[in-house]
């Protein structure tokens, strides 16, 4: 025979108080004298009563959950962002439901619908592309939302990004100043903020140095390691291959290294390499990689903070926060001493 569930009425009867008094003790919504509070707590313990937190929050139109939709959880950059979000929201008692879209816009849209049906209190989304109908739906329904690492130009929502343009511009300029004139770039889809802005920064550095754009040196990947590998081989097969390569994220950078290793091409003696994004082990490989370092943990914390402001209705006007990035010069660009150059926006 199934055991009867203990209810708040059972607790009130056992403690000899009203159900409203039990509710005030559990929810801390009104002062209850200590002797009465102890009776209620003892009754809860003796009876093994577990408050239905989800039902309670639904009555308040809150679930204390946040939907986090990320395009690639296998990327350590996003894992560190997740750590920052968890630290920020966890302190406020929020749980995070995570969906990984693998850059699939249908998975992203489906995840939005699923989390919305579960009545999450807000969303943090790393959009896979410029497709924005599902995000506009959330905005139109006044659902708190923060866009992370990417913007959607036609959506009025909070966004947290880095200086993609300035970072790649400075990295490319460093390679030019080191004597390189044929610099290849492997970027991600230009249908999203990082791909578009990082390519623009590269082109601006060429323009400022009076170097003409060579379309054969521009390769569009998908921010994954395999595309970095494949596109590096394409660059190396050119009649006049580049003397330096810029990889526009960490995973494509690993693909570049794999391809150069397989072709037995030495860094930096035969080709220089620069990567947008730093990983803890990049300074320990041979040679250490010159990178544009992003404050990934701080990006996550900031996204969490902006979302909390919306959930608590502390403001209505959308905000855009752009973080500075650091150019960290190491051996892969031909230098022999690590240097860090900060860029402010």
Protein backbone atom coordinates (compact mmCIF):
# COMPACT_ATOMS: atom_id res chain seq x y z
CA UNK A 1 0.00 0.00 0.00
CA UNK A 2 1.36 3.42 -1.02
CA UNK A 3 2.42 5.63 1.86
CA UNK A 4 0.33 8.78 2.29
CA UNK A 5 2.20 11.99 1.47
CA UNK A 6 2.68 14.37 4.37
CA UNK A 7 0.98 17.72 3.78
CA UNK A 8 1.30 21.15 5.35
CA UNK A 9 -2.00 20.44 7.16
CA UNK A 10 -0.46 17.36 8.80
CA UNK A 11 2.45 19.49 10.02
CA UNK A 12 0.10 22.16 11.38
CA UNK A 13 -2.01 19.56 13.20
CA UNK A 14 1.08 17.87 14.69
CA UNK A 15 2.55 21.17 15.87
CA UNK A 16 -0.78 22.53 17.10
CA UNK A 17 -0.64 25.65 14.94
CA UNK A 18 -2.41 27.00 11.86
CA UNK A 19 -1.35 26.12 8.31
CA UNK A 20 -0.55 29.80 7.71
CA UNK A 21 1.93 29.72 10.62
CA UNK A 22 3.66 26.70 9.08
CA UNK A 23 3.77 28.54 5.75
CA UNK A 24 5.33 31.61 7.39
CA UNK A 25 8.01 29.45 9.03
CA UNK A 26 8.87 27.67 5.78
CA UNK A 27 8.82 30.78 3.58
CA UNK A 28 10.06 33.27 6.19
CA UNK A 29 7.31 35.66 5.13
CA UNK A 30 6.37 36.84 8.64
CA UNK A 31 7.88 36.91 12.10
CA UNK A 32 7.04 33.82 14.16
CA UNK A 33 8.16 33.66 17.78
CA UNK A 34 11.00 31.23 18.38
CA UNK A 35 9.10 28.72 20.53
CA UNK A 36 6.41 28.34 17.87
CA UNK A 37 8.98 28.16 15.08
CA UNK A 38 10.79 25.34 16.93
CA UNK A 39 7.49 23.39 17.25
CA UNK A 40 6.95 23.68 13.51
CA UNK A 41 10.52 22.67 12.65
CA UNK A 42 10.24 19.66 14.98
CA UNK A 43 6.97 18.62 13.34
CA UNK A 44 8.57 18.92 9.89
CA UNK A 45 11.48 16.77 11.04
CA UNK A 46 9.38 14.16 12.87
CA UNK A 47 6.92 13.75 10.00
CA UNK A 48 9.53 13.92 7.24
CA UNK A 49 7.71 16.71 5.45
CA UNK A 50 9.32 18.07 2.25
CA UNK A 51 7.88 21.34 0.93
CA UNK A 52 7.00 21.26 -2.76
CA UNK A 53 9.41 23.99 -3.79
CA UNK A 54 8.48 23.84 -7.47
CA UNK A 55 4.76 24.20 -6.78
CA UNK A 56 5.43 27.00 -4.33
CA UNK A 57 7.52 28.90 -6.84
CA UNK A 58 4.99 28.36 -9.62
CA UNK A 59 2.36 30.00 -7.42
CA UNK A 60 4.76 32.91 -7.19
CA UNK A 61 5.36 32.69 -10.97
CA UNK A 62 8.97 31.72 -10.23
CA UNK A 63 10.86 28.44 -10.58
CA UNK A 64 14.35 29.64 -9.58
CA UNK A 65 15.72 28.05 -12.74
CA UNK A 66 17.53 29.63 -15.69
CA UNK A 67 17.83 28.19 -19.18
CA UNK A 68 21.36 28.31 -20.60
CA UNK A 69 21.69 27.56 -24.31
CA UNK A 70 25.26 27.18 -25.58
CA UNK A 71 26.44 26.35 -29.09
CA UNK A 72 29.42 24.14 -28.15
CA UNK A 73 29.90 22.79 -24.63
CA UNK A 74 32.94 20.79 -25.77
CA UNK A 75 34.82 24.08 -26.15
CA UNK A 76 36.74 24.92 -22.93
CA UNK A 77 35.98 28.61 -23.53
CA UNK A 78 32.28 27.97 -22.98
CA UNK A 79 32.95 25.61 -20.08
CA UNK A 80 34.69 28.45 -18.26
CA UNK A 81 31.81 30.78 -19.08
CA UNK A 82 29.42 28.22 -17.58
CA UNK A 83 31.50 28.19 -14.40
CA UNK A 84 31.12 31.97 -14.12
CA UNK A 85 27.35 31.80 -14.67
CA UNK A 86 26.97 29.06 -12.06
CA UNK A 87 28.94 31.02 -9.49
CA UNK A 88 26.86 34.15 -10.01
CA UNK A 89 23.42 32.56 -10.13
CA UNK A 90 24.14 29.84 -7.56
CA UNK A 91 24.68 32.48 -4.87
CA UNK A 92 21.12 33.66 -5.51
CA UNK A 93 19.62 30.18 -5.26
CA UNK A 94 19.13 29.58 -8.98
CA UNK A 95 19.62 26.26 -10.75
CA UNK A 96 20.74 26.13 -14.38
CA UNK A 97 19.30 23.92 -17.12
CA UNK A 98 21.83 23.60 -19.94
CA UNK A 99 21.27 22.77 -23.60
CA UNK A 100 24.06 22.24 -26.13
CA UNK A 101 23.02 23.10 -29.70
CA UNK A 102 26.22 22.17 -31.58
CA UNK A 103 25.60 25.25 -33.79
CA UNK A 104 22.26 23.80 -34.92
CA UNK A 105 19.63 26.55 -35.09
CA UNK A 106 16.77 24.04 -34.87
CA UNK A 107 18.18 22.63 -31.62
CA UNK A 108 18.49 26.18 -30.35
CA UNK A 109 14.89 27.02 -31.22
CA UNK A 110 13.62 23.72 -29.77
CA UNK A 111 15.55 24.36 -26.54
CA UNK A 112 13.96 27.80 -26.21
CA UNK A 113 10.50 26.28 -26.57
CA UNK A 114 11.27 23.49 -24.10
CA UNK A 115 12.70 25.79 -21.43
CA UNK A 116 9.88 28.27 -21.93
CA UNK A 117 7.36 25.48 -21.32
CA UNK A 118 9.20 24.65 -18.09
CA UNK A 119 8.73 28.28 -17.02
CA UNK A 120 12.36 29.13 -16.43
CA UNK A 121 12.82 32.59 -14.95
CA UNK A 122 15.18 33.72 -17.70
CA UNK A 123 17.51 32.74 -20.52
CA UNK A 124 21.19 33.13 -21.31
CA UNK A 125 21.78 32.26 -24.96
CA UNK A 126 24.91 31.92 -27.11
CA UNK A 127 23.22 32.21 -30.53
CA UNK A 128 24.40 29.87 -33.27
CA UNK A 129 23.60 32.37 -36.04
CA UNK A 130 21.66 35.53 -36.85
CA UNK A 131 18.36 33.62 -36.90
CA UNK A 132 16.34 35.44 -34.25
CA UNK A 133 12.63 34.51 -34.40
CA UNK A 134 12.72 32.39 -31.24
CA UNK A 135 14.68 35.07 -29.38
CA UNK A 136 12.26 37.78 -30.49
CA UNK A 137 9.46 35.60 -29.12
CA UNK A 138 11.07 35.74 -25.66
CA UNK A 139 11.63 39.49 -25.87
CA UNK A 140 8.06 40.10 -27.03
CA UNK A 141 6.79 38.09 -24.05
CA UNK A 142 8.95 40.04 -21.58
CA UNK A 143 11.07 37.02 -20.66
CA UNK A 144 14.43 38.08 -19.15
CA UNK A 145 17.20 37.22 -21.62
CA UNK A 146 20.93 37.86 -22.08
CA UNK A 147 22.80 37.20 -25.32
CA UNK A 148 26.32 35.98 -24.64
CA UNK A 149 29.41 36.07 -26.90
CA UNK A 150 27.20 37.16 -29.82
CA UNK A 151 24.69 39.88 -30.63
CA UNK A 152 21.53 39.83 -32.70
CA UNK A 153 21.30 43.17 -34.46
CA UNK A 154 17.51 43.24 -34.72
CA UNK A 155 16.83 42.15 -31.13
CA UNK A 156 16.72 44.61 -28.23
CA UNK A 157 18.24 42.51 -25.47
CA UNK A 158 21.17 42.57 -23.07
CA UNK A 159 24.41 41.35 -24.61
CA UNK A 160 27.86 40.50 -23.23
CA UNK A 161 30.66 40.27 -25.78
CA UNK A 162 34.37 40.99 -26.22
CA UNK A 163 36.23 43.37 -28.51
CA UNK A 164 36.46 40.90 -31.38
CA UNK A 165 37.36 43.56 -33.95
CA UNK A 166 40.11 45.17 -31.88
CA UNK A 167 41.58 41.85 -30.77
CA UNK A 168 42.07 40.42 -34.26
CA UNK A 169 43.21 43.77 -35.58
CA UNK A 170 45.97 43.96 -32.99
CA UNK A 171 47.00 40.31 -33.46
CA UNK A 172 47.23 40.77 -37.24
CA UNK A 173 49.11 44.05 -36.84
CA UNK A 174 51.61 42.29 -34.58
CA UNK A 175 52.29 39.71 -37.29
CA UNK A 176 52.66 42.46 -39.89
CA UNK A 177 55.11 44.32 -37.64
CA UNK A 178 57.05 41.06 -37.32
CA UNK A 179 57.64 41.13 -41.08
CA UNK A 180 54.78 39.02 -42.46
CA UNK A 181 52.98 40.17 -45.60
CA UNK A 182 51.01 37.05 -46.53
CA UNK A 183 48.84 36.30 -43.51
CA UNK A 184 46.12 33.69 -43.75
CA UNK A 185 43.06 33.77 -41.55
CA UNK A 186 40.72 30.96 -40.55
CA UNK A 187 37.54 32.39 -39.10
CA UNK A 188 34.15 30.99 -38.22
CA UNK A 189 30.84 31.68 -39.89
CA UNK A 190 30.39 35.35 -40.71
CA UNK A 191 26.72 34.87 -39.86
CA UNK A 192 27.55 35.46 -36.18
CA UNK A 193 29.29 38.20 -34.23
CA UNK A 194 32.72 36.59 -33.60
CA UNK A 195 33.17 35.39 -37.17
CA UNK A 196 32.10 38.68 -38.72
CA UNK A 197 33.93 41.04 -36.35
CA UNK A 198 37.19 39.06 -36.20
CA UNK A 199 37.42 38.96 -39.97
CA UNK A 200 36.74 42.71 -40.06
CA UNK A 201 39.58 43.32 -37.60
CA UNK A 202 41.98 41.33 -39.77
CA UNK A 203 40.98 43.29 -42.88
CA UNK A 204 41.37 46.61 -41.05
CA UNK A 205 44.93 45.70 -39.99
CA UNK A 206 45.82 44.93 -43.61
CA UNK A 207 44.29 48.21 -44.75
CA UNK A 208 46.17 50.25 -42.16
CA UNK A 209 49.42 48.69 -43.38
CA UNK A 210 48.57 49.29 -47.05
CA UNK A 211 48.41 45.56 -47.73
CA UNK A 212 45.89 44.44 -50.31
CA UNK A 213 43.33 41.78 -49.43
CA UNK A 214 43.97 38.36 -50.99
CA UNK A 215 40.74 36.38 -50.99
CA UNK A 216 42.64 33.09 -51.24
CA UNK A 217 44.12 33.75 -47.77
CA UNK A 218 40.66 34.04 -46.17
CA UNK A 219 39.10 30.75 -45.07
CA UNK A 220 35.67 30.44 -43.45
CA UNK A 221 35.37 27.53 -41.01
CA UNK A 222 32.87 26.55 -38.35
CA UNK A 223 34.80 27.19 -35.10
CA UNK A 224 35.63 23.48 -34.78
CA UNK A 225 38.99 21.74 -34.75
CA UNK A 226 38.36 19.74 -37.92
CA UNK A 227 37.75 22.88 -39.98
CA UNK A 228 40.95 24.44 -38.66
CA UNK A 229 42.86 21.37 -39.83
CA UNK A 230 41.22 21.17 -43.27
CA UNK A 231 41.52 24.88 -44.02
CA UNK A 232 45.16 25.01 -42.94
CA UNK A 233 45.93 22.34 -45.51
CA UNK A 234 44.13 24.46 -48.11
CA UNK A 235 46.27 27.46 -47.20
CA UNK A 236 49.45 25.41 -47.37
CA UNK A 237 48.51 24.12 -50.83
CA UNK A 238 48.37 27.62 -52.34
CA UNK A 239 51.00 28.44 -54.98
CA UNK A 240 52.20 31.13 -52.59
CA UNK A 241 51.25 29.92 -49.08
CA UNK A 242 51.02 32.28 -46.11
CA UNK A 243 53.96 32.91 -43.79
CA UNK A 244 51.57 33.37 -40.85
CA UNK A 245 48.10 32.11 -39.89
CA UNK A 246 45.49 33.67 -37.62
CA UNK A 247 43.01 31.16 -36.16
CA UNK A 248 39.87 32.85 -34.88
CA UNK A 249 39.15 30.54 -31.98
CA UNK A 250 40.93 28.01 -29.79
CA UNK A 251 39.60 24.84 -31.42
CA UNK A 252 40.43 25.96 -34.95
CA UNK A 253 43.84 26.91 -33.57
CA UNK A 254 44.35 23.31 -32.44
CA UNK A 255 43.41 22.23 -35.95
CA UNK A 256 46.07 24.55 -37.36
CA UNK A 257 48.70 23.01 -35.06
CA UNK A 258 47.66 19.47 -36.04
CA UNK A 259 47.96 20.25 -39.75
CA UNK A 260 51.36 21.90 -39.38
CA UNK A 261 52.61 18.98 -37.31
CA UNK A 262 51.43 16.46 -39.90
CA UNK A 263 53.17 18.44 -42.64
CA UNK A 264 56.31 18.72 -40.47
CA UNK A 265 56.25 22.52 -40.71
CA UNK A 266 58.03 24.21 -37.82
CA UNK A 267 56.63 27.11 -35.80
CA UNK A 268 57.76 29.91 -35.91
CA UNK A 269 60.79 29.21 -38.12
CA UNK A 270 58.71 28.31 -41.19
CA UNK A 271 55.32 29.82 -40.29
CA UNK A 272 53.94 32.00 -37.49
CA UNK A 273 50.66 31.25 -35.69
CA UNK A 274 48.33 33.44 -33.67
CA UNK A 275 45.06 32.36 -32.03
CA UNK A 276 42.04 34.32 -30.83
CA UNK A 277 41.47 32.86 -27.34
CA UNK A 278 43.84 31.49 -24.73
CA UNK A 279 43.78 28.15 -22.96
CA UNK A 280 45.83 27.29 -19.82
CA UNK A 281 47.99 24.82 -21.76
CA UNK A 282 48.75 27.15 -24.68
CA UNK A 283 51.70 28.60 -22.80
CA UNK A 284 53.13 25.14 -22.16
CA UNK A 285 53.11 23.66 -25.67
CA UNK A 286 56.15 23.95 -27.94
CA UNK A 287 56.28 26.67 -29.00
CA UNK A 288 53.97 28.62 -26.64
CA UNK A 289 51.17 30.24 -28.61
CA UNK A 290 50.68 33.95 -29.19
CA UNK A 291 47.02 34.62 -28.43
CA UNK A 292 44.24 37.09 -27.84
CA UNK A 293 43.09 36.25 -24.31
CA UNK A 294 39.41 36.59 -23.40
CA UNK A 295 38.04 36.98 -19.85
CA UNK A 296 35.75 33.95 -20.20
CA UNK A 297 34.90 33.52 -16.50
CA UNK A 298 34.07 37.22 -16.16
CA UNK A 299 31.84 36.99 -19.24
CA UNK A 300 29.78 34.33 -17.48
CA UNK A 301 29.56 36.24 -14.20
CA UNK A 302 28.47 39.40 -16.01
CA UNK A 303 25.81 37.58 -18.03
CA UNK A 304 24.43 36.13 -14.80
CA UNK A 305 24.41 39.53 -13.13
CA UNK A 306 22.57 41.19 -16.02
CA UNK A 307 19.98 38.42 -16.02
CA UNK A 308 19.39 38.81 -12.28
CA UNK A 309 18.81 42.53 -12.75
CA UNK A 310 16.06 41.72 -15.23
CA UNK A 311 14.50 38.97 -13.12
CA UNK A 312 14.40 41.32 -10.13
CA UNK A 313 12.98 44.06 -12.38
CA UNK A 314 15.76 46.45 -11.41
CA UNK A 315 15.78 47.96 -14.93
CA UNK A 316 14.14 47.65 -18.33
CA UNK A 317 16.52 49.27 -20.84
CA UNK A 318 18.82 46.74 -22.59
CA UNK A 319 22.55 47.00 -21.99
CA UNK A 320 25.54 45.99 -24.09
CA UNK A 321 28.78 45.24 -22.26
CA UNK A 322 31.98 44.85 -24.28
CA UNK A 323 35.03 43.42 -22.50
CA UNK A 324 38.60 44.31 -23.35
CA UNK A 325 40.94 41.57 -24.53
CA UNK A 326 44.69 41.09 -24.11
CA UNK A 327 47.26 40.38 -26.79
CA UNK A 328 49.66 37.86 -25.23
CA UNK A 329 52.83 37.58 -27.33
CA UNK A 330 54.71 34.28 -27.07
CA UNK A 331 57.09 32.24 -29.23
CA UNK A 332 54.69 31.12 -31.98
CA UNK A 333 54.77 34.58 -33.53
CA UNK A 334 58.56 34.72 -33.49
CA UNK A 335 59.00 36.47 -30.15
CA UNK A 336 61.09 35.02 -27.32
CA UNK A 337 59.54 36.76 -24.36
CA UNK A 338 55.96 36.73 -23.18
CA UNK A 339 54.37 40.16 -23.31
CA UNK A 340 50.80 41.20 -22.54
CA UNK A 341 49.22 44.19 -24.19
CA UNK A 342 45.82 45.33 -23.00
CA UNK A 343 43.16 46.84 -25.22
CA UNK A 344 40.45 48.96 -23.70
CA UNK A 345 37.12 49.88 -25.23
